[in-house]
Amino acid sequence: MSNNTPYPRINPTAVNGNIDTIREEVLNWFATGNTGMSSKAIALNIAGIETEHHPTPSDPSDFRRCIDMVKACPSIQNLTPLVENAPHYAPFTREWNNMIDLYETEFKEDTGRAPLLYKFMKRLCTESLFILGRVVFRCRHMDIADFEEITGVTPTLDNLYQLSELGEAGIKQKHQQENA
């Protein structure tokens, strides 16, 4: 990967610029109109402006708006402070540079598609949801406690991506025990 890439890398040990400079850069970026919910949430959070909503990037196009925000705000060198107010952003801040790599290698402007990046982001969304105390089961978001009660399975980071199969097996086992 060359250093002259147009896509901004994040340095987790860097110190962000002066907060007033960041706020000015964010305000100028807002004026471009090329914003999305997650990029706005990141920008506001890093600029020290409180917001109740902290959506994570949901697809490659959404991630592109986050990239554009970081490019427009060069004083933002490190996204890890975001995790203080929005812990569920940890997977995205940890994997930012890997997402950039995938974006660089597969995103095509004409189609707007990047299937490997999309799949990777969905995994990060699953982990992010878990950090918030929720999981997806049978196409529904639910609290971990509800999932455990329904299935008898305790979600962990180790089994997070097998919850569908584990949950179905847990329900089947519960039904067998009830009918025994």
Protein backbone atom coordinates (compact mmCIF):
# COMPACT_ATOMS: atom_id res chain seq x y z
CA MET A 1 0.00 0.00 0.00
CA SER A 2 1.56 3.29 -1.01
CA ASN A 3 1.65 6.35 1.18
CA ASN A 4 0.23 8.56 -1.56
CA THR A 5 -3.21 6.98 -1.26
CA PRO A 6 -6.11 9.42 -1.44
CA TYR A 7 -7.80 7.56 1.40
CA PRO A 8 -6.95 8.67 4.93
CA ARG A 9 -5.37 6.19 7.29
CA ILE A 10 -6.04 6.54 10.99
CA ASN A 11 -3.24 6.42 13.53
CA PRO A 12 -4.54 5.14 16.89
CA THR A 13 -1.62 6.76 18.74
CA ALA A 14 -1.79 10.17 17.02
CA VAL A 15 -3.06 13.24 18.81
CA ASN A 16 -5.90 15.04 17.10
CA GLY A 17 -5.53 18.72 16.30
CA ASN A 18 -6.85 21.67 18.24
CA ILE A 19 -10.58 21.29 18.99
CA ASP A 20 -11.38 24.73 17.52
CA THR A 21 -9.63 23.76 14.28
CA ILE A 22 -11.49 20.45 14.20
CA ARG A 23 -14.81 22.24 14.72
CA GLU A 24 -14.06 24.68 11.92
CA GLU A 25 -13.10 21.82 9.57
CA VAL A 26 -16.26 19.91 10.52
CA LEU A 27 -18.42 22.99 9.88
CA ASN A 28 -16.81 23.48 6.46
CA TRP A 29 -17.30 19.79 5.67
CA PHE A 30 -20.99 19.99 6.69
CA ALA A 31 -21.39 22.75 4.09
CA THR A 32 -20.34 20.35 1.30
CA GLY A 33 -23.56 18.41 1.73
CA ASN A 34 -21.76 15.09 1.18
CA THR A 35 -22.68 13.80 4.61
CA GLY A 36 -24.40 10.78 6.05
CA MET A 37 -25.73 9.86 9.47
CA SER A 38 -22.64 7.94 10.56
CA SER A 39 -20.16 10.49 9.19
CA LYS A 40 -22.07 13.28 10.96
CA ALA A 41 -22.06 11.29 14.20
CA ILE A 42 -18.31 10.72 13.98
CA ALA A 43 -17.59 14.36 13.13
CA LEU A 44 -19.78 15.75 15.91
CA ASN A 45 -18.35 13.34 18.47
CA ILE A 46 -14.71 14.05 17.59
CA ALA A 47 -15.52 17.78 17.60
CA GLY A 48 -16.79 17.41 21.16
CA ILE A 49 -20.41 18.16 20.28
CA GLU A 50 -22.87 15.90 22.08
CA THR A 51 -25.35 13.89 20.08
CA GLU A 52 -27.74 11.15 21.14
CA HIS A 53 -27.42 9.18 17.93
CA HIS A 54 -24.26 7.28 17.05
CA PRO A 55 -25.03 5.20 13.95
CA THR A 56 -22.14 3.19 12.56
CA PRO A 57 -21.37 3.04 8.83
CA SER A 58 -23.76 0.55 7.27
CA ASP A 59 -22.41 0.01 3.76
CA PRO A 60 -19.51 1.03 1.47
CA SER A 61 -21.24 4.20 0.28
CA ASP A 62 -21.86 5.25 3.87
CA PHE A 63 -18.23 4.46 4.67
CA ARG A 64 -17.19 6.64 1.70
CA ARG A 65 -18.90 9.60 3.35
CA CYS A 66 -16.89 8.86 6.51
CA ILE A 67 -13.71 8.78 4.42
CA ASP A 68 -14.66 12.10 2.85
CA MET A 69 -15.23 13.59 6.29
CA VAL A 70 -11.77 12.53 7.51
CA LYS A 71 -10.21 13.85 4.29
CA ALA A 72 -11.99 17.18 4.77
CA CYS A 73 -10.91 17.38 8.41
CA PRO A 74 -7.13 16.79 8.41
CA SER A 75 -6.89 17.67 12.10
CA ILE A 76 -8.65 14.38 12.80
CA GLN A 77 -5.86 11.80 12.86
CA ASN A 78 -7.24 9.39 15.45
CA LEU A 79 -10.81 8.07 15.82
CA THR A 80 -10.28 6.16 19.07
CA PRO A 81 -11.59 9.07 21.22
CA LEU A 82 -14.94 8.35 19.56
CA VAL A 83 -15.16 5.12 21.57
CA GLU A 84 -15.32 7.04 24.88
CA ASN A 85 -18.83 8.33 24.06
CA ALA A 86 -19.85 5.57 21.66
CA PRO A 87 -18.22 2.26 22.74
CA HIS A 88 -19.93 0.36 19.94
CA TYR A 89 -17.65 2.20 17.49
CA ALA A 90 -14.68 0.16 18.75
CA PRO A 91 -14.83 -2.43 15.93
CA PHE A 92 -14.92 0.34 13.33
CA THR A 93 -12.08 2.39 14.80
CA ARG A 94 -10.02 -0.79 15.23
CA GLU A 95 -10.64 -1.90 11.64
CA TRP A 96 -10.68 1.49 9.86
CA ASN A 97 -7.43 0.90 7.97
CA ASN A 98 -8.54 -2.60 6.93
CA MET A 99 -11.80 -1.14 5.63
CA ILE A 100 -9.75 1.45 3.71
CA ASP A 101 -7.70 -1.37 2.17
CA LEU A 102 -10.85 -3.18 1.04
CA TYR A 103 -12.38 0.04 -0.23
CA GLU A 104 -9.26 0.85 -2.27
CA THR A 105 -9.06 -2.57 -3.85
CA GLU A 106 -12.67 -3.25 -4.70
CA PHE A 107 -14.95 -0.20 -4.68
CA LYS A 108 -16.07 0.78 -8.15
CA GLU A 109 -17.58 4.24 -8.59
CA ASP A 110 -19.72 3.15 -11.55
CA THR A 111 -21.49 0.38 -9.62
CA GLY A 112 -21.08 1.65 -6.06
CA ARG A 113 -20.40 -1.94 -5.03
CA ALA A 114 -17.77 -3.47 -2.79
CA PRO A 115 -19.10 -6.88 -1.70
CA LEU A 116 -16.15 -7.93 0.46
CA LEU A 117 -16.14 -4.59 2.27
CA TYR A 118 -19.91 -4.84 2.73
CA LYS A 119 -19.60 -8.32 4.24
CA PHE A 120 -16.77 -7.17 6.52
CA MET A 121 -18.80 -4.16 7.64
CA LYS A 122 -21.79 -6.38 8.45
CA ARG A 123 -19.52 -8.43 10.74
CA LEU A 124 -18.38 -5.22 12.42
CA CYS A 125 -22.03 -4.14 12.80
CA THR A 126 -22.77 -7.48 14.49
CA GLU A 127 -19.92 -6.92 16.94
CA SER A 128 -21.01 -3.31 17.47
CA LEU A 129 -24.54 -4.43 18.24
CA PHE A 130 -23.17 -6.98 20.72
CA ILE A 131 -21.28 -4.20 22.52
CA LEU A 132 -24.64 -2.44 22.89
CA GLY A 133 -26.09 -5.59 24.47
CA ARG A 134 -28.06 -6.71 21.44
CA VAL A 135 -27.92 -9.49 18.85
CA VAL A 136 -29.72 -10.31 15.61
CA PHE A 137 -31.76 -13.50 15.58
CA ARG A 138 -34.38 -14.48 13.04
CA CYS A 139 -33.92 -11.10 11.33
CA ARG A 140 -34.79 -9.22 14.54
CA HIS A 141 -32.65 -7.15 16.85
CA MET A 142 -33.11 -8.28 20.43
CA ASP A 143 -31.53 -7.82 23.82
CA ILE A 144 -28.98 -10.46 24.76
CA ALA A 145 -31.06 -11.43 27.82
CA ASP A 146 -34.10 -12.07 25.60
CA PHE A 147 -32.00 -14.17 23.23
CA GLU A 148 -30.66 -16.21 26.16
CA GLU A 149 -34.17 -16.74 27.54
CA ILE A 150 -35.57 -17.83 24.16
CA THR A 151 -32.67 -20.06 23.10
CA GLY A 152 -30.77 -21.02 26.26
CA VAL A 153 -27.59 -19.84 24.51
CA THR A 154 -25.27 -17.18 25.92
CA PRO A 155 -23.78 -15.00 23.18
CA THR A 156 -20.05 -14.29 23.38
CA LEU A 157 -17.58 -12.71 20.97
CA ASP A 158 -16.38 -16.25 20.22
CA ASN A 159 -19.79 -17.54 19.10
CA LEU A 160 -21.25 -14.28 17.82
CA TYR A 161 -21.24 -15.29 14.16
CA GLN A 162 -22.85 -18.69 14.80
CA LEU A 163 -25.78 -17.37 16.85
CA SER A 164 -28.38 -18.20 14.24
CA GLU A 165 -27.44 -21.88 14.18
CA LEU A 166 -26.80 -22.04 17.94
CA GLY A 167 -30.07 -20.27 18.69
CA GLU A 168 -32.11 -22.61 16.51
CA ALA A 169 -30.40 -25.64 18.10
CA GLY A 170 -31.06 -24.19 21.56
CA ILE A 171 -34.76 -23.70 20.83
CA LYS A 172 -35.02 -27.25 19.49
CA GLN A 173 -33.32 -28.62 22.61
CA LYS A 174 -35.63 -26.59 24.89
CA HIS A 175 -38.69 -27.94 23.06
CA GLN A 176 -37.40 -31.51 23.35
CA GLN A 177 -36.86 -31.08 27.11
CA GLU A 178 -40.34 -29.58 27.54
CA ASN A 179 -41.93 -32.47 25.63
CA ALA A 180 -39.95 -35.21 27.41
